[in-house]
Amino acid sequence: MFLLLFFVFLIQFLTYWIFEPIAFFLEYVLEIRLFPIIALLGLIFLFSAKNIEQN
C-alpha cells in the first residue's frame, strides 16, 4: 500500500515539475494585456493573401 502511495506521489511530483513551467508560461502569454497582440496576429493570418481554396 505504501509502495503504491509512493508511486502516486512520485507521478504527481514529476507531472507538476514538468508541466508547471509550461502552464506558467501559457498563463503569462494568454494574459489579457497580451490578448490584442495575439488577436491582431490571428486576424493578419486569417485575412492574409494566401487563399485556402487555391490548389
Protein backbone atom coordinates (compact mmCIF):
# COMPACT_ATOMS: atom_id res chain seq x y z
CA MET A 1 0.00 0.00 0.00
CA PHE A 2 2.81 2.40 0.87
CA LEU A 3 4.61 1.46 -2.33
CA LEU A 4 1.53 2.37 -4.34
CA LEU A 5 1.20 5.64 -2.45
CA PHE A 6 4.87 6.38 -3.10
CA PHE A 7 4.42 5.86 -6.85
CA VAL A 8 1.32 8.06 -6.90
CA PHE A 9 3.17 10.88 -5.13
CA LEU A 10 6.16 10.41 -7.42
CA ILE A 11 3.99 10.64 -10.54
CA GLN A 12 2.23 13.73 -9.18
CA PHE A 13 5.54 15.41 -8.35
CA LEU A 14 7.04 14.68 -11.77
CA THR A 15 3.89 15.85 -13.54
CA TYR A 16 3.96 19.11 -11.57
CA TRP A 17 7.68 19.54 -12.21
CA ILE A 18 7.28 19.05 -15.97
CA PHE A 19 4.02 20.90 -16.65
CA GLU A 20 4.16 23.76 -14.13
CA PRO A 21 6.62 25.89 -16.16
CA ILE A 22 4.58 25.31 -19.32
CA ALA A 23 1.38 26.32 -17.53
CA PHE A 24 3.05 29.40 -16.05
CA PHE A 25 4.34 30.46 -19.49
CA LEU A 26 0.95 29.95 -21.14
CA GLU A 27 -0.74 31.89 -18.34
CA TYR A 28 1.65 34.79 -18.94
CA VAL A 29 1.26 34.71 -22.74
CA LEU A 30 -2.51 34.46 -22.67
CA GLU A 31 -2.98 37.25 -20.13
CA ILE A 32 -5.50 39.88 -21.10
CA ARG A 33 -2.85 42.56 -21.70
CA LEU A 34 -1.25 40.47 -24.44
CA PHE A 35 -4.58 39.49 -25.98
CA PRO A 36 -4.70 42.40 -28.50
CA ILE A 37 -1.36 41.35 -29.96
CA ILE A 38 -2.49 37.73 -30.26
CA ALA A 39 -5.82 38.82 -31.79
CA LEU A 40 -4.04 41.08 -34.28
CA LEU A 41 -1.73 38.27 -35.36
CA GLY A 42 -4.74 35.98 -35.71
CA LEU A 43 -6.57 38.49 -37.90
CA ILE A 44 -3.49 39.04 -40.06
CA PHE A 45 -3.17 35.29 -40.52
CA LEU A 46 -6.89 34.92 -41.20
CA PHE A 47 -7.04 37.64 -43.85
CA SER A 48 -3.64 37.03 -45.40
CA ALA A 49 -3.20 36.90 -49.17
CA LYS A 50 -2.94 33.11 -49.22
CA ASN A 51 -6.19 31.52 -50.22
CA ILE A 52 -7.01 28.13 -48.72
CA GLU A 53 -9.12 27.16 -51.72
CA GLN A 54 -6.21 27.62 -54.14
CA ASN A 55 -4.68 24.30 -55.21
